[in-house]
Structures are given as structure tokens and as C-alpha cells.
N, C-alpha and C. Protein backbone atom coordinates (compact mmCIF):
# COMPACT_ATOMS: atom_id res chain seq x y z
N MET A 1 -22.24 3.63 61.35
CA MET A 1 -21.52 4.64 60.59
C MET A 1 -20.06 4.20 60.41
N VAL A 2 -19.57 4.29 59.20
CA VAL A 2 -18.18 3.93 58.95
C VAL A 2 -17.26 5.09 59.30
N GLU A 3 -16.07 4.73 59.72
CA GLU A 3 -15.07 5.72 60.12
C GLU A 3 -13.81 5.53 59.27
N ASP A 4 -12.96 6.54 59.25
CA ASP A 4 -11.69 6.42 58.55
C ASP A 4 -10.93 5.22 59.12
N GLY A 5 -10.36 4.41 58.22
CA GLY A 5 -9.63 3.21 58.62
C GLY A 5 -10.47 1.94 58.57
N ASP A 6 -11.80 2.08 58.57
CA ASP A 6 -12.69 0.92 58.49
C ASP A 6 -12.66 0.32 57.09
N LYS A 7 -13.00 -0.96 57.02
CA LYS A 7 -13.20 -1.61 55.72
C LYS A 7 -14.46 -1.00 55.11
N ALA A 8 -14.39 -0.63 53.86
CA ALA A 8 -15.54 -0.03 53.17
C ALA A 8 -16.60 -1.10 52.95
N PRO A 9 -17.84 -0.83 53.34
CA PRO A 9 -18.91 -1.81 53.10
C PRO A 9 -19.05 -2.09 51.59
N ASP A 10 -19.07 -3.37 51.24
CA ASP A 10 -19.23 -3.75 49.85
C ASP A 10 -20.69 -3.60 49.45
N PHE A 11 -20.93 -3.43 48.17
CA PHE A 11 -22.30 -3.31 47.66
C PHE A 11 -22.28 -3.62 46.17
N GLU A 12 -23.46 -3.90 45.65
CA GLU A 12 -23.65 -4.06 44.21
C GLU A 12 -24.93 -3.33 43.84
N VAL A 13 -24.82 -2.38 42.92
CA VAL A 13 -25.96 -1.55 42.52
C VAL A 13 -25.96 -1.33 41.02
N PRO A 14 -27.14 -1.03 40.44
CA PRO A 14 -27.19 -0.70 39.02
C PRO A 14 -26.61 0.69 38.76
N THR A 15 -26.08 0.87 37.55
CA THR A 15 -25.48 2.15 37.19
C THR A 15 -26.18 2.77 35.98
N ASP A 16 -25.85 4.03 35.75
CA ASP A 16 -26.44 4.78 34.64
C ASP A 16 -26.11 4.17 33.29
N GLY A 17 -25.04 3.42 33.19
CA GLY A 17 -24.66 2.82 31.92
C GLY A 17 -25.39 1.53 31.61
N GLY A 18 -26.30 1.11 32.48
CA GLY A 18 -27.06 -0.10 32.26
C GLY A 18 -26.42 -1.33 32.87
N GLY A 19 -25.25 -1.18 33.46
CA GLY A 19 -24.57 -2.30 34.09
C GLY A 19 -24.79 -2.30 35.59
N THR A 20 -23.93 -3.04 36.27
CA THR A 20 -23.93 -3.03 37.73
C THR A 20 -22.52 -2.73 38.21
N LEU A 21 -22.44 -2.20 39.39
CA LEU A 21 -21.17 -1.87 39.99
C LEU A 21 -21.06 -2.60 41.33
N LYS A 22 -19.99 -3.37 41.49
CA LYS A 22 -19.72 -4.03 42.77
C LYS A 22 -18.40 -3.45 43.29
N LEU A 23 -18.45 -2.83 44.44
CA LEU A 23 -17.28 -2.13 44.97
C LEU A 23 -16.06 -3.04 45.06
N SER A 24 -16.24 -4.26 45.55
CA SER A 24 -15.08 -5.15 45.75
C SER A 24 -14.36 -5.47 44.43
N ARG A 25 -15.03 -5.32 43.30
CA ARG A 25 -14.38 -5.57 42.00
C ARG A 25 -13.41 -4.44 41.62
N LEU A 26 -13.44 -3.35 42.36
CA LEU A 26 -12.58 -2.20 42.06
C LEU A 26 -11.32 -2.18 42.90
N ARG A 27 -11.10 -3.22 43.69
CA ARG A 27 -9.89 -3.28 44.55
C ARG A 27 -8.64 -3.12 43.70
N GLY A 28 -7.63 -2.55 44.30
CA GLY A 28 -6.36 -2.38 43.61
C GLY A 28 -6.12 -0.94 43.20
N LYS A 29 -7.18 -0.14 43.16
CA LYS A 29 -6.99 1.29 42.89
C LYS A 29 -7.97 2.07 43.76
N PRO A 30 -7.68 3.33 43.99
CA PRO A 30 -8.57 4.13 44.83
C PRO A 30 -9.95 4.34 44.20
N VAL A 31 -10.92 4.55 45.07
CA VAL A 31 -12.29 4.83 44.66
C VAL A 31 -12.76 6.06 45.43
N VAL A 32 -13.33 7.01 44.71
CA VAL A 32 -13.99 8.16 45.33
C VAL A 32 -15.48 7.87 45.24
N LEU A 33 -16.09 7.68 46.41
CA LEU A 33 -17.52 7.35 46.50
C LEU A 33 -18.20 8.55 47.14
N TYR A 34 -19.01 9.25 46.34
CA TYR A 34 -19.68 10.40 46.93
C TYR A 34 -21.20 10.23 46.86
N PHE A 35 -21.84 10.59 47.96
CA PHE A 35 -23.29 10.48 48.10
C PHE A 35 -23.89 11.87 47.96
N TYR A 36 -24.96 11.95 47.17
CA TYR A 36 -25.63 13.22 46.97
C TYR A 36 -27.14 13.00 46.99
N PRO A 37 -27.91 14.01 47.36
CA PRO A 37 -29.35 13.82 47.56
C PRO A 37 -30.19 13.57 46.30
N LYS A 38 -29.98 14.33 45.21
CA LYS A 38 -30.95 14.24 44.10
C LYS A 38 -30.34 14.71 42.78
N ASP A 39 -30.58 13.94 41.72
CA ASP A 39 -30.15 14.34 40.39
C ASP A 39 -30.77 15.68 39.99
N ASP A 40 -29.98 16.46 39.24
CA ASP A 40 -30.46 17.66 38.58
C ASP A 40 -31.01 18.73 39.53
N THR A 41 -30.45 18.80 40.73
CA THR A 41 -30.75 19.92 41.63
C THR A 41 -29.48 20.78 41.69
N SER A 42 -29.57 22.00 42.13
CA SER A 42 -28.46 22.93 41.98
C SER A 42 -27.15 22.46 42.61
N GLY A 43 -27.17 22.12 43.90
CA GLY A 43 -25.93 21.69 44.57
C GLY A 43 -25.40 20.38 44.02
N CYS A 44 -26.30 19.45 43.74
CA CYS A 44 -25.89 18.13 43.23
C CYS A 44 -25.34 18.24 41.82
N THR A 45 -25.90 19.13 41.02
CA THR A 45 -25.40 19.34 39.67
C THR A 45 -24.01 19.97 39.72
N ALA A 46 -23.83 20.96 40.56
CA ALA A 46 -22.52 21.61 40.68
C ALA A 46 -21.47 20.59 41.13
N GLU A 47 -21.82 19.73 42.08
CA GLU A 47 -20.87 18.73 42.58
C GLU A 47 -20.53 17.72 41.48
N ALA A 48 -21.53 17.23 40.76
CA ALA A 48 -21.28 16.26 39.68
C ALA A 48 -20.42 16.88 38.59
N LYS A 49 -20.67 18.13 38.25
CA LYS A 49 -19.88 18.80 37.21
C LYS A 49 -18.44 19.00 37.67
N ASP A 50 -18.25 19.33 38.96
CA ASP A 50 -16.90 19.50 39.49
C ASP A 50 -16.13 18.18 39.44
N PHE A 51 -16.75 17.10 39.91
CA PHE A 51 -16.08 15.80 39.88
C PHE A 51 -15.81 15.38 38.43
N SER A 52 -16.73 15.64 37.52
CA SER A 52 -16.54 15.29 36.11
C SER A 52 -15.39 16.07 35.48
N ARG A 53 -15.32 17.35 35.80
CA ARG A 53 -14.26 18.20 35.26
C ARG A 53 -12.88 17.68 35.66
N LEU A 54 -12.78 17.12 36.86
CA LEU A 54 -11.49 16.65 37.38
C LEU A 54 -11.30 15.15 37.26
N ALA A 55 -12.28 14.43 36.73
CA ALA A 55 -12.28 12.96 36.74
C ALA A 55 -10.98 12.36 36.19
N ALA A 56 -10.48 12.89 35.10
CA ALA A 56 -9.28 12.32 34.49
C ALA A 56 -8.04 12.49 35.36
N ASP A 57 -8.05 13.47 36.28
CA ASP A 57 -6.90 13.73 37.13
C ASP A 57 -6.84 12.84 38.37
N PHE A 58 -7.94 12.19 38.71
CA PHE A 58 -8.01 11.44 39.95
C PHE A 58 -7.14 10.19 39.99
N GLY A 59 -7.05 9.45 38.87
CA GLY A 59 -6.36 8.16 38.92
C GLY A 59 -7.15 7.21 39.81
N ALA A 60 -8.44 7.43 39.89
CA ALA A 60 -9.35 6.65 40.75
C ALA A 60 -10.69 6.57 40.05
N GLU A 61 -11.47 5.59 40.45
CA GLU A 61 -12.85 5.50 39.98
C GLU A 61 -13.67 6.50 40.80
N VAL A 62 -14.42 7.37 40.12
CA VAL A 62 -15.26 8.35 40.81
C VAL A 62 -16.71 7.93 40.60
N ILE A 63 -17.41 7.70 41.72
CA ILE A 63 -18.78 7.18 41.67
C ILE A 63 -19.69 8.06 42.51
N GLY A 64 -20.74 8.57 41.87
CA GLY A 64 -21.76 9.32 42.57
C GLY A 64 -22.93 8.40 42.89
N VAL A 65 -23.43 8.46 44.12
CA VAL A 65 -24.52 7.58 44.56
C VAL A 65 -25.67 8.43 45.08
N SER A 66 -26.88 8.15 44.59
CA SER A 66 -28.07 8.79 45.13
C SER A 66 -29.22 7.80 45.05
N PRO A 67 -30.33 8.11 45.73
CA PRO A 67 -31.49 7.22 45.68
C PRO A 67 -32.24 7.26 44.35
N ASP A 68 -31.85 8.16 43.44
CA ASP A 68 -32.52 8.23 42.14
C ASP A 68 -32.30 6.94 41.36
N GLY A 69 -33.22 6.64 40.46
CA GLY A 69 -33.14 5.43 39.65
C GLY A 69 -32.21 5.58 38.46
N VAL A 70 -31.98 4.47 37.78
CA VAL A 70 -31.09 4.42 36.63
C VAL A 70 -31.53 5.39 35.54
N GLU A 71 -32.81 5.45 35.23
CA GLU A 71 -33.30 6.34 34.17
C GLU A 71 -33.01 7.80 34.50
N SER A 72 -33.23 8.20 35.75
CA SER A 72 -32.94 9.56 36.18
C SER A 72 -31.44 9.85 36.03
N HIS A 73 -30.61 8.88 36.44
CA HIS A 73 -29.16 9.05 36.31
C HIS A 73 -28.75 9.20 34.85
N GLN A 74 -29.36 8.42 33.96
CA GLN A 74 -29.02 8.51 32.54
C GLN A 74 -29.34 9.89 31.98
N LYS A 75 -30.50 10.43 32.35
CA LYS A 75 -30.88 11.78 31.89
C LYS A 75 -29.92 12.83 32.44
N PHE A 76 -29.58 12.69 33.72
CA PHE A 76 -28.68 13.62 34.40
C PHE A 76 -27.31 13.60 33.71
N ARG A 77 -26.79 12.41 33.44
CA ARG A 77 -25.49 12.27 32.78
C ARG A 77 -25.51 12.92 31.40
N ARG A 78 -26.54 12.63 30.62
CA ARG A 78 -26.63 13.19 29.26
C ARG A 78 -26.76 14.71 29.29
N LYS A 79 -27.61 15.21 30.17
CA LYS A 79 -27.87 16.65 30.22
C LYS A 79 -26.60 17.46 30.47
N TYR A 80 -25.73 16.94 31.34
CA TYR A 80 -24.53 17.69 31.74
C TYR A 80 -23.23 17.05 31.23
N ASP A 81 -23.33 16.03 30.38
CA ASP A 81 -22.17 15.35 29.82
C ASP A 81 -21.19 14.94 30.93
N LEU A 82 -21.71 14.26 31.94
CA LEU A 82 -20.92 13.88 33.11
C LEU A 82 -19.93 12.76 32.77
N ALA A 83 -18.74 12.84 33.35
CA ALA A 83 -17.67 11.89 33.08
C ALA A 83 -17.43 10.95 34.26
N ILE A 84 -18.45 10.74 35.06
CA ILE A 84 -18.33 9.88 36.24
C ILE A 84 -19.44 8.83 36.19
N THR A 85 -19.29 7.79 37.00
CA THR A 85 -20.31 6.76 37.10
C THR A 85 -21.35 7.20 38.12
N LEU A 86 -22.62 6.99 37.79
CA LEU A 86 -23.71 7.29 38.73
C LEU A 86 -24.37 5.97 39.11
N ALA A 87 -24.46 5.73 40.40
CA ALA A 87 -25.01 4.48 40.92
C ALA A 87 -26.36 4.73 41.58
N ALA A 88 -27.32 3.84 41.27
CA ALA A 88 -28.68 3.97 41.78
C ALA A 88 -28.85 3.17 43.08
N ASP A 89 -29.09 3.87 44.16
CA ASP A 89 -29.29 3.27 45.48
C ASP A 89 -30.75 3.46 45.88
N ALA A 90 -31.65 2.93 45.05
CA ALA A 90 -33.08 3.18 45.22
C ALA A 90 -33.62 2.76 46.58
N ASP A 91 -33.10 1.68 47.14
CA ASP A 91 -33.59 1.24 48.46
C ASP A 91 -32.79 1.83 49.61
N THR A 92 -31.86 2.69 49.31
CA THR A 92 -30.98 3.41 50.27
C THR A 92 -30.10 2.48 51.11
N ALA A 93 -29.94 1.23 50.71
CA ALA A 93 -29.13 0.28 51.48
C ALA A 93 -27.67 0.72 51.57
N VAL A 94 -27.14 1.26 50.46
CA VAL A 94 -25.74 1.68 50.46
C VAL A 94 -25.58 2.92 51.36
N ALA A 95 -26.48 3.88 51.21
CA ALA A 95 -26.43 5.08 52.05
C ALA A 95 -26.53 4.70 53.53
N GLN A 96 -27.38 3.74 53.85
CA GLN A 96 -27.50 3.30 55.24
C GLN A 96 -26.22 2.63 55.72
N ALA A 97 -25.61 1.80 54.87
CA ALA A 97 -24.37 1.10 55.25
C ALA A 97 -23.24 2.08 55.56
N TYR A 98 -23.24 3.22 54.86
CA TYR A 98 -22.20 4.23 55.07
C TYR A 98 -22.61 5.29 56.10
N GLY A 99 -23.81 5.18 56.64
CA GLY A 99 -24.26 6.10 57.67
C GLY A 99 -24.63 7.48 57.17
N VAL A 100 -25.04 7.57 55.89
CA VAL A 100 -25.37 8.88 55.34
C VAL A 100 -26.87 9.03 55.05
N TRP A 101 -27.68 8.03 55.40
CA TRP A 101 -29.14 8.12 55.30
C TRP A 101 -29.59 8.60 56.66
N VAL A 102 -29.92 9.88 56.76
CA VAL A 102 -30.14 10.52 58.06
C VAL A 102 -31.44 11.30 58.08
N GLU A 103 -31.86 11.63 59.29
CA GLU A 103 -33.03 12.50 59.43
C GLU A 103 -32.60 13.93 59.15
N LYS A 104 -33.37 14.58 58.29
CA LYS A 104 -33.11 15.97 57.92
C LYS A 104 -34.36 16.77 58.24
N SER A 105 -34.23 18.07 58.14
CA SER A 105 -35.38 18.92 58.43
C SER A 105 -35.41 20.08 57.44
N MET A 106 -36.60 20.34 56.92
CA MET A 106 -36.79 21.49 56.03
C MET A 106 -38.13 22.12 56.35
N TYR A 107 -38.12 23.41 56.59
CA TYR A 107 -39.35 24.15 56.93
C TYR A 107 -40.08 23.49 58.10
N GLY A 108 -39.31 23.01 59.08
CA GLY A 108 -39.90 22.42 60.27
C GLY A 108 -40.42 21.00 60.09
N ARG A 109 -40.24 20.43 58.91
CA ARG A 109 -40.71 19.07 58.65
C ARG A 109 -39.51 18.13 58.63
N ALA A 110 -39.59 17.05 59.42
CA ALA A 110 -38.52 16.06 59.45
C ALA A 110 -38.76 15.01 58.38
N TYR A 111 -37.68 14.59 57.75
CA TYR A 111 -37.76 13.55 56.71
C TYR A 111 -36.40 12.86 56.63
N MET A 112 -36.36 11.69 56.00
CA MET A 112 -35.11 10.97 55.81
C MET A 112 -34.53 11.34 54.45
N GLY A 113 -33.21 11.50 54.41
CA GLY A 113 -32.55 11.84 53.16
C GLY A 113 -31.06 11.60 53.24
N VAL A 114 -30.39 11.83 52.13
CA VAL A 114 -28.95 11.63 52.04
C VAL A 114 -28.22 12.86 52.56
N GLU A 115 -27.27 12.62 53.45
CA GLU A 115 -26.36 13.67 53.91
C GLU A 115 -25.19 13.69 52.93
N ARG A 116 -24.99 14.81 52.25
CA ARG A 116 -23.93 14.91 51.25
C ARG A 116 -22.59 14.54 51.90
N SER A 117 -21.99 13.46 51.42
CA SER A 117 -20.77 12.91 52.02
C SER A 117 -19.91 12.27 50.95
N THR A 118 -18.61 12.19 51.22
CA THR A 118 -17.67 11.58 50.30
C THR A 118 -16.73 10.67 51.08
N PHE A 119 -16.41 9.53 50.47
CA PHE A 119 -15.49 8.57 51.06
C PHE A 119 -14.40 8.25 50.05
N LEU A 120 -13.15 8.40 50.46
CA LEU A 120 -12.01 8.01 49.65
C LEU A 120 -11.59 6.63 50.13
N ILE A 121 -11.70 5.65 49.24
CA ILE A 121 -11.41 4.26 49.58
C ILE A 121 -10.10 3.89 48.91
N ASP A 122 -9.16 3.35 49.70
CA ASP A 122 -7.86 3.01 49.13
C ASP A 122 -7.93 1.69 48.36
N GLY A 123 -6.83 1.31 47.74
CA GLY A 123 -6.77 0.12 46.92
C GLY A 123 -7.00 -1.18 47.68
N GLU A 124 -6.88 -1.11 49.00
CA GLU A 124 -7.11 -2.29 49.84
C GLU A 124 -8.56 -2.39 50.30
N GLY A 125 -9.37 -1.40 49.93
CA GLY A 125 -10.79 -1.43 50.30
C GLY A 125 -11.09 -0.83 51.66
N ARG A 126 -10.20 0.03 52.15
CA ARG A 126 -10.41 0.70 53.44
C ARG A 126 -10.73 2.17 53.21
N ILE A 127 -11.48 2.74 54.15
CA ILE A 127 -11.79 4.17 54.09
C ILE A 127 -10.52 4.94 54.47
N ALA A 128 -9.92 5.60 53.49
CA ALA A 128 -8.70 6.38 53.74
C ALA A 128 -9.05 7.73 54.34
N ARG A 129 -10.18 8.29 53.89
CA ARG A 129 -10.61 9.59 54.39
C ARG A 129 -12.09 9.75 54.09
N SER A 130 -12.77 10.47 54.97
CA SER A 130 -14.19 10.73 54.73
C SER A 130 -14.49 12.20 54.99
N TRP A 131 -15.50 12.67 54.28
CA TRP A 131 -16.00 14.04 54.43
C TRP A 131 -17.50 13.93 54.63
N ARG A 132 -18.02 14.54 55.66
CA ARG A 132 -19.46 14.53 55.92
C ARG A 132 -19.99 15.95 55.92
N LYS A 133 -21.29 16.07 55.67
CA LYS A 133 -21.93 17.39 55.59
C LYS A 133 -21.14 18.30 54.65
N VAL A 134 -20.86 17.78 53.48
CA VAL A 134 -20.03 18.45 52.48
C VAL A 134 -20.67 19.74 51.98
N LYS A 135 -19.84 20.74 51.85
CA LYS A 135 -20.19 21.98 51.15
C LYS A 135 -19.53 21.86 49.78
N VAL A 136 -20.29 22.08 48.71
CA VAL A 136 -19.83 21.78 47.36
C VAL A 136 -18.64 22.63 46.89
N PRO A 137 -18.63 23.94 47.05
CA PRO A 137 -17.53 24.72 46.48
C PRO A 137 -16.16 24.27 46.99
N GLY A 138 -15.28 23.89 46.05
CA GLY A 138 -13.92 23.48 46.40
C GLY A 138 -13.79 22.04 46.87
N HIS A 139 -14.91 21.33 47.04
CA HIS A 139 -14.84 19.98 47.59
C HIS A 139 -14.13 19.00 46.66
N ALA A 140 -14.47 18.99 45.38
CA ALA A 140 -13.85 18.05 44.45
C ALA A 140 -12.33 18.25 44.42
N GLU A 141 -11.88 19.49 44.48
CA GLU A 141 -10.45 19.77 44.49
C GLU A 141 -9.79 19.22 45.76
N GLU A 142 -10.47 19.35 46.89
CA GLU A 142 -9.94 18.82 48.16
C GLU A 142 -9.83 17.29 48.10
N VAL A 143 -10.84 16.64 47.54
CA VAL A 143 -10.82 15.19 47.41
C VAL A 143 -9.72 14.76 46.44
N LEU A 144 -9.54 15.51 45.36
CA LEU A 144 -8.46 15.21 44.40
C LEU A 144 -7.11 15.28 45.09
N SER A 145 -6.88 16.29 45.89
CA SER A 145 -5.62 16.44 46.62
C SER A 145 -5.39 15.25 47.55
N ALA A 146 -6.42 14.83 48.26
CA ALA A 146 -6.31 13.68 49.17
C ALA A 146 -6.06 12.39 48.40
N THR A 147 -6.67 12.27 47.23
CA THR A 147 -6.47 11.08 46.39
C THR A 147 -5.04 11.01 45.89
N LYS A 148 -4.51 12.13 45.47
CA LYS A 148 -3.13 12.16 44.99
C LYS A 148 -2.14 11.82 46.12
N ALA A 149 -2.48 12.16 47.35
CA ALA A 149 -1.63 11.85 48.50
C ALA A 149 -1.58 10.34 48.76
N LEU A 150 -2.57 9.60 48.28
CA LEU A 150 -2.60 8.14 48.44
C LEU A 150 -1.60 7.45 47.53
N ALA A 151 -1.26 8.10 46.41
CA ALA A 151 -0.40 7.47 45.41
C ALA A 151 0.97 7.16 46.00
N PRO A 152 1.52 5.99 45.65
CA PRO A 152 2.84 5.61 46.20
C PRO A 152 3.96 6.50 45.72
């Protein structure tokens, strides 16, 4: 599990735009990396819409990551006119590297899934701040405030 101050694990994954995203190529400016469980579900949709609504204010790259595939991300982006990048972590390698692929429980059944989490990565590639077990209401605003505090 990564902690605040750690070097952010690098990764390369496909994105909803048909390209690939490599974290280390984004050095020099902040990155908001948020993990969410599933495209087009109520909490995940609210979170994506909140980050999209504020995307222009961040002065950072905002990237949503889930195990959904590129095609699912493309539909999700179009349906809600999202203004953020969606990255496909189909093999959950990125979620595992960040310690957010965890055992969850629903109706007494245990399963593995994404723990809603956000990482603010500074321009040097270090975790400036992290949020785990995120509650969606007000979260994007809190991350925006922390991102603005990073600015020189």
C-alpha cells in the first residue's frame, strides 16, 4: 500500500480515448488519480460528474481508474459528457499497486473489488495526499482545494 510521501507507482494503461496513459509522462504537473469500482453506477457516476464539473479548475490531469474496459469507459464518457480521462485497469494491476484492490463484502458474500480512493500526485511523482474509503459528496471539492495548495 502506498502512503503519502511515497513515489507514485508508475503504470501504462489504455484510455477511453483509444490511446494509452503512462503516469511518468505526466511529470511536471500534478495528477489527480482516483479509483472507482464501476462505470455507470450511482456513486461512480456522481463522482465522475463532480470531477468533470471541476476539471478545468484543477490545473492538474484528472484520471479515473476502474477495472472496466475501454469500450465501457467510452460509453460512460459519452453518456455523461465527462471531461476527465478514464483509464482501463482490466487486470487490476494498477489498483493492486496502489493498495486499493481489497476484499469487500456485500450481503455476507466476500469478493475482491476497488476501494474508492484518490491520490494527489505532485509534479515530482510523489503522493502528496491520499484519500481512502472515499465518500462521494464534497470529495471532488476537497481534492481541488488540496491540489490548489500544491501550487507554488
